[in-house]
């Protein structure tokens, strides 16, 4: 099985550990509206390498604008704290055929991201 052209890795900087069991939705902008393509849940290493398709349709990644929505509210509630940002929405553009790794560093009061490798 080959890995998805879009992957992510989430680290909780408040604990210094991978963020496990965060639900993430993957969407694509089509005709100025978001179409949800799939979702994933971070594993014990804080990673999602494969996406579960919505409505059993294949997920095809082409050039365009995509969004990952990370559910931080549920994650931090399970950690015994409250998230200032209920979600982290990361919108990015795919304009080449390379792999796109979108890491997220988070804490209850902030988050940051970058283009990973």
C-alpha atoms as a PDB file:
ATOM      1  CA  UNK A   1       0.000   0.000   0.000  1.00  0.00           C
ATOM      2  CA  UNK A   2       1.431   3.398  -0.916  1.00  0.00           C
ATOM      3  CA  UNK A   3       1.029   6.329   1.420  1.00  0.00           C
ATOM      4  CA  UNK A   4      -1.320   9.195   0.759  1.00  0.00           C
ATOM      5  CA  UNK A   5       0.104  12.253  -1.004  1.00  0.00           C
ATOM      6  CA  UNK A   6      -1.130  14.223   2.047  1.00  0.00           C
ATOM      7  CA  UNK A   7       0.068  13.188   5.513  1.00  0.00           C
ATOM      8  CA  UNK A   8       0.161  14.879   8.900  1.00  0.00           C
ATOM      9  CA  UNK A   9       1.887  14.548  12.255  1.00  0.00           C
ATOM     10  CA  UNK A  10       0.552  16.224  15.416  1.00  0.00           C
ATOM     11  CA  UNK A  11       2.698  16.950  18.459  1.00  0.00           C
ATOM     12  CA  UNK A  12       1.390  18.380  21.732  1.00  0.00           C
ATOM     13  CA  UNK A  13       4.039  20.899  22.782  1.00  0.00           C
ATOM     14  CA  UNK A  14       2.427  21.281  26.226  1.00  0.00           C
ATOM     15  CA  UNK A  15       3.283  17.657  27.053  1.00  0.00           C
ATOM     16  CA  UNK A  16       6.133  17.013  24.620  1.00  0.00           C
ATOM     17  CA  UNK A  17       4.339  13.967  23.227  1.00  0.00           C
ATOM     18  CA  UNK A  18       2.511  12.917  20.060  1.00  0.00           C
ATOM     19  CA  UNK A  19      -1.166  13.910  20.069  1.00  0.00           C
ATOM     20  CA  UNK A  20      -3.125  10.669  19.845  1.00  0.00           C
ATOM     21  CA  UNK A  21      -6.784  10.271  18.825  1.00  0.00           C
ATOM     22  CA  UNK A  22      -7.325  13.638  17.158  1.00  0.00           C
ATOM     23  CA  UNK A  23      -9.989  13.469  14.463  1.00  0.00           C
ATOM     24  CA  UNK A  24      -8.967  15.285  11.282  1.00  0.00           C
ATOM     25  CA  UNK A  25     -11.168  16.027   8.275  1.00  0.00           C
ATOM     26  CA  UNK A  26      -9.688  16.463   4.783  1.00  0.00           C
ATOM     27  CA  UNK A  27     -11.576  18.715   2.340  1.00  0.00           C
ATOM     28  CA  UNK A  28     -11.011  20.199  -1.100  1.00  0.00           C
ATOM     29  CA  UNK A  29     -12.250  23.544  -2.446  1.00  0.00           C
ATOM     30  CA  UNK A  30     -14.463  22.933  -5.477  1.00  0.00           C
ATOM     31  CA  UNK A  31     -16.438  25.778  -7.064  1.00  0.00           C
ATOM     32  CA  UNK A  32     -15.810  27.965  -3.993  1.00  0.00           C
ATOM     33  CA  UNK A  33     -17.278  25.346  -1.620  1.00  0.00           C
ATOM     34  CA  UNK A  34     -15.587  22.779   0.601  1.00  0.00           C
ATOM     35  CA  UNK A  35     -16.138  19.129  -0.313  1.00  0.00           C
ATOM     36  CA  UNK A  36     -15.186  16.730   2.465  1.00  0.00           C
ATOM     37  CA  UNK A  37     -13.077  13.918   1.022  1.00  0.00           C
ATOM     38  CA  UNK A  38     -12.157  11.897   4.068  1.00  0.00           C
ATOM     39  CA  UNK A  39     -11.077  11.791   7.657  1.00  0.00           C
ATOM     40  CA  UNK A  40      -8.453  10.216   9.840  1.00  0.00           C
ATOM     41  CA  UNK A  41      -7.587   9.802  13.512  1.00  0.00           C
ATOM     42  CA  UNK A  42      -4.046  10.253  14.750  1.00  0.00           C
ATOM     43  CA  UNK A  43      -2.347   7.095  15.940  1.00  0.00           C
ATOM     44  CA  UNK A  44      -0.133   6.666  19.032  1.00  0.00           C
ATOM     45  CA  UNK A  45       2.675   8.476  17.183  1.00  0.00           C
ATOM     46  CA  UNK A  46       0.353  11.414  16.329  1.00  0.00           C
ATOM     47  CA  UNK A  47       0.267  10.537  12.626  1.00  0.00           C
ATOM     48  CA  UNK A  48      -2.334  10.069   9.911  1.00  0.00           C
ATOM     49  CA  UNK A  49      -0.851   8.509   6.821  1.00  0.00           C
ATOM     50  CA  UNK A  50      -4.071   7.221   5.212  1.00  0.00           C
ATOM     51  CA  UNK A  51      -7.509   8.808   4.995  1.00  0.00           C
ATOM     52  CA  UNK A  52     -10.848   7.024   5.300  1.00  0.00           C
ATOM     53  CA  UNK A  53     -12.994   8.075   2.372  1.00  0.00           C
ATOM     54  CA  UNK A  54     -16.389   9.666   2.850  1.00  0.00           C
ATOM     55  CA  UNK A  55     -19.242   7.683   1.247  1.00  0.00           C
ATOM     56  CA  UNK A  56     -16.796   4.948   0.134  1.00  0.00           C
ATOM     57  CA  UNK A  57     -15.544   7.111  -2.742  1.00  0.00           C
ATOM     58  CA  UNK A  58     -11.884   7.022  -3.704  1.00  0.00           C
ATOM     59  CA  UNK A  59      -9.830   9.976  -2.539  1.00  0.00           C
ATOM     60  CA  UNK A  60      -8.010  11.449  -5.512  1.00  0.00           C
ATOM     61  CA  UNK A  61      -5.526  14.206  -4.742  1.00  0.00           C
ATOM     62  CA  UNK A  62      -5.078  16.619  -7.638  1.00  0.00           C
ATOM     63  CA  UNK A  63      -3.844  20.183  -7.877  1.00  0.00           C
ATOM     64  CA  UNK A  64      -6.069  22.546  -5.907  1.00  0.00           C
ATOM     65  CA  UNK A  65      -6.790  24.039  -2.514  1.00  0.00           C
ATOM     66  CA  UNK A  66      -7.242  21.691   0.439  1.00  0.00           C
ATOM     67  CA  UNK A  67      -8.049  22.031   4.121  1.00  0.00           C
ATOM     68  CA  UNK A  68      -7.303  19.919   7.169  1.00  0.00           C
ATOM     69  CA  UNK A  69      -9.566  20.540  10.182  1.00  0.00           C
ATOM     70  CA  UNK A  70      -8.152  19.208  13.460  1.00  0.00           C
ATOM     71  CA  UNK A  71     -10.665  18.667  16.314  1.00  0.00           C
ATOM     72  CA  UNK A  72      -8.763  20.171  19.246  1.00  0.00           C
ATOM     73  CA  UNK A  73     -11.756  20.547  21.571  1.00  0.00           C
ATOM     74  CA  UNK A  74     -12.252  16.811  22.076  1.00  0.00           C
ATOM     75  CA  UNK A  75      -8.509  16.167  22.339  1.00  0.00           C
ATOM     76  CA  UNK A  76      -7.904  18.743  25.080  1.00  0.00           C
ATOM     77  CA  UNK A  77     -11.107  17.839  26.951  1.00  0.00           C
ATOM     78  CA  UNK A  78      -9.780  14.269  27.204  1.00  0.00           C
ATOM     79  CA  UNK A  79      -6.482  15.745  28.496  1.00  0.00           C
ATOM     80  CA  UNK A  80      -8.370  17.541  31.285  1.00  0.00           C
ATOM     81  CA  UNK A  81      -8.025  21.039  29.851  1.00  0.00           C
ATOM     82  CA  UNK A  82      -9.946  23.347  27.580  1.00  0.00           C
ATOM     83  CA  UNK A  83      -8.792  24.423  24.118  1.00  0.00           C
ATOM     84  CA  UNK A  84      -8.816  28.125  23.332  1.00  0.00           C
ATOM     85  CA  UNK A  85      -9.032  27.126  19.648  1.00  0.00           C
ATOM     86  CA  UNK A  86     -11.733  24.433  19.237  1.00  0.00           C
ATOM     87  CA  UNK A  87     -10.288  23.524  15.826  1.00  0.00           C
ATOM     88  CA  UNK A  88      -7.130  24.175  13.878  1.00  0.00           C
ATOM     89  CA  UNK A  89      -7.995  24.752  10.223  1.00  0.00           C
ATOM     90  CA  UNK A  90      -5.032  24.561   7.879  1.00  0.00           C
ATOM     91  CA  UNK A  91      -5.698  25.552   4.280  1.00  0.00           C
ATOM     92  CA  UNK A  92      -2.992  24.848   1.716  1.00  0.00           C
ATOM     93  CA  UNK A  93      -2.443  24.663  -2.029  1.00  0.00           C
ATOM     94  CA  UNK A  94      -1.206  21.670  -4.004  1.00  0.00           C
ATOM     95  CA  UNK A  95       0.370  22.813  -7.256  1.00  0.00           C
ATOM     96  CA  UNK A  96       2.834  19.983  -7.882  1.00  0.00           C
ATOM     97  CA  UNK A  97       2.837  16.209  -7.732  1.00  0.00           C
ATOM     98  CA  UNK A  98       5.126  15.928  -4.696  1.00  0.00           C
ATOM     99  CA  UNK A  99       4.198  14.498  -1.313  1.00  0.00           C
ATOM    100  CA  UNK A 100       2.659  17.082   1.060  1.00  0.00           C
ATOM    101  CA  UNK A 101       3.311  16.634   4.773  1.00  0.00           C
ATOM    102  CA  UNK A 102       1.377  19.056   6.988  1.00  0.00           C
ATOM    103  CA  UNK A 103       2.630  18.894  10.614  1.00  0.00           C
ATOM    104  CA  UNK A 104       0.809  20.564  13.504  1.00  0.00           C
ATOM    105  CA  UNK A 105       2.376  21.646  16.783  1.00  0.00           C
ATOM    106  CA  UNK A 106      -0.258  22.463  19.380  1.00  0.00           C
ATOM    107  CA  UNK A 107      -0.977  23.485  22.939  1.00  0.00           C
ATOM    108  CA  UNK A 108      -4.240  24.513  24.616  1.00  0.00           C
ATOM    109  CA  UNK A 109      -3.595  28.173  23.698  1.00  0.00           C
ATOM    110  CA  UNK A 110      -1.924  28.022  20.301  1.00  0.00           C
ATOM    111  CA  UNK A 111      -0.766  26.056  17.293  1.00  0.00           C
ATOM    112  CA  UNK A 112       1.683  26.330  14.415  1.00  0.00           C
ATOM    113  CA  UNK A 113       2.312  24.500  11.171  1.00  0.00           C
ATOM    114  CA  UNK A 114       4.741  24.399   8.260  1.00  0.00           C
ATOM    115  CA  UNK A 115       5.368  22.507   5.035  1.00  0.00           C
ATOM    116  CA  UNK A 116       7.055  19.325   6.145  1.00  0.00           C
ATOM    117  CA  UNK A 117       8.927  16.705   4.179  1.00  0.00           C
END
